[in-house]
Protein backbone atom coordinates (compact mmCIF):
# COMPACT_ATOMS: atom_id res chain seq x y z
CA MET A 1 -76.35 31.19 83.69
CA SER A 2 -75.39 32.73 86.99
CA PHE A 3 -73.71 36.08 87.51
CA ALA A 4 -70.31 34.40 87.60
CA GLY A 5 -70.98 32.98 84.14
CA HIS A 6 -71.61 36.46 82.81
CA VAL A 7 -68.39 37.72 84.34
CA PHE A 8 -66.37 34.85 82.90
CA ASP A 9 -67.96 35.42 79.49
CA MET A 10 -67.06 39.12 79.65
CA ILE A 11 -63.49 38.30 80.66
CA ARG A 12 -63.22 35.83 77.76
CA ARG A 13 -64.54 38.42 75.28
CA ASN A 14 -62.12 41.05 76.57
CA LYS A 15 -59.24 38.60 76.14
CA GLU A 16 -60.34 37.79 72.58
CA ASP A 17 -60.65 41.51 71.77
CA ARG A 18 -57.13 42.19 73.06
CA GLU A 19 -55.78 39.35 70.90
CA LYS A 20 -57.59 40.68 67.82
CA LEU A 21 -56.28 44.18 68.53
CA ASP A 22 -52.73 42.84 68.77
CA GLN A 23 -53.23 41.05 65.45
CA LEU A 24 -54.48 44.25 63.83
CA ARG A 25 -51.52 46.20 65.18
CA GLY A 26 -49.17 43.56 63.80
CA ARG A 27 -50.83 43.75 60.38
CA GLY A 28 -50.57 47.53 60.46
CA LYS A 29 -46.86 47.34 61.16
CA ASP A 30 -46.41 44.83 58.35
CA ALA A 31 -48.36 47.02 55.93
CA ARG A 32 -46.35 50.12 56.87
CA ALA A 33 -43.13 48.21 56.32
CA LYS A 34 -44.38 46.77 53.03
CA TYR A 35 -45.71 50.02 51.59
CA SER A 36 -43.23 52.46 53.02
CA SER A 37 -42.48 55.10 50.49
CA HIS A 38 -38.99 55.62 49.29
CA ILE A 39 -37.86 58.22 46.85
CA PRO A 40 -35.91 56.73 43.99
CA ASP A 41 -32.64 58.30 43.02
CA ILE A 42 -33.31 60.36 39.91
CA SER A 43 -31.27 63.04 38.29
CA ALA A 44 -32.24 66.70 38.13
CA GLU A 45 -32.87 66.43 34.40
CA GLU A 46 -35.21 63.48 34.92
CA TYR A 47 -37.06 65.39 37.64
CA ASP A 48 -37.44 68.44 35.39
CA ARG A 49 -38.69 66.27 32.52
CA ILE A 50 -41.32 64.65 34.75
CA ASN A 51 -42.48 68.05 36.06
CA ARG A 52 -42.70 69.42 32.51
CA GLN A 53 -44.79 66.42 31.41
CA LEU A 54 -47.11 66.89 34.38
CA LYS A 55 -47.61 70.58 33.60
CA GLU A 56 -48.32 69.80 29.94
CA ARG A 57 -50.86 67.15 30.93
CA GLU A 58 -52.57 69.56 33.33
CA GLN A 59 -52.80 72.21 30.62
CA GLU A 60 -54.28 69.70 28.17
CA GLU A 61 -56.86 68.64 30.76
CA GLN A 62 -57.79 72.28 31.44
CA LYS A 63 -58.25 72.90 27.70
CA TYR A 64 -60.41 69.78 27.42
CA TYR A 65 -62.64 70.76 30.34
CA SER A 66 -63.01 74.33 29.13
CA ARG A 67 -64.04 73.09 25.65
CA ILE A 68 -66.65 70.82 27.19
CA LYS A 69 -67.90 73.68 29.38
CA TYR A 70 -68.25 75.99 26.37
CA LEU A 71 -70.01 73.25 24.41
CA ILE A 72 -72.54 72.74 27.19
CA ILE A 73 -73.13 76.49 27.50
CA ALA A 74 -73.61 76.81 23.74
CA ALA A 75 -76.03 73.88 23.64
CA THR A 76 -78.01 75.35 26.53
CA LEU A 77 -78.22 78.74 24.83
CA ILE A 78 -79.38 77.16 21.57
CA ILE A 79 -82.07 75.20 23.40
CA LEU A 80 -83.23 78.31 25.27
CA ILE A 81 -83.38 80.32 22.03
CA LEU A 82 -85.38 77.55 20.34
CA PHE A 83 -87.87 77.47 23.22
CA TRP A 84 -88.16 81.25 23.11
CA VAL A 85 -88.77 81.21 19.34
CA ILE A 86 -91.32 78.39 19.59
CA PHE A 87 -93.28 79.92 22.42
């Protein structure tokens, strides 16, 4: 292949890349339009109820994680005490 063949091949690849980039941009626009966020119309009472439920759920999760943490600490202490007594 001569030098001109390389140039034509590079020009063809550049053209294909531009077309693919345009396709990607078009898909991005479609996705943004499809998944655009919109806030539904909810009342103040509904909003307060949702926030209250979220706070309750967060508190329950914190209690759960703290119980697990204390359980792990207690188990570790028991194991350390057993090793100390054995040795």
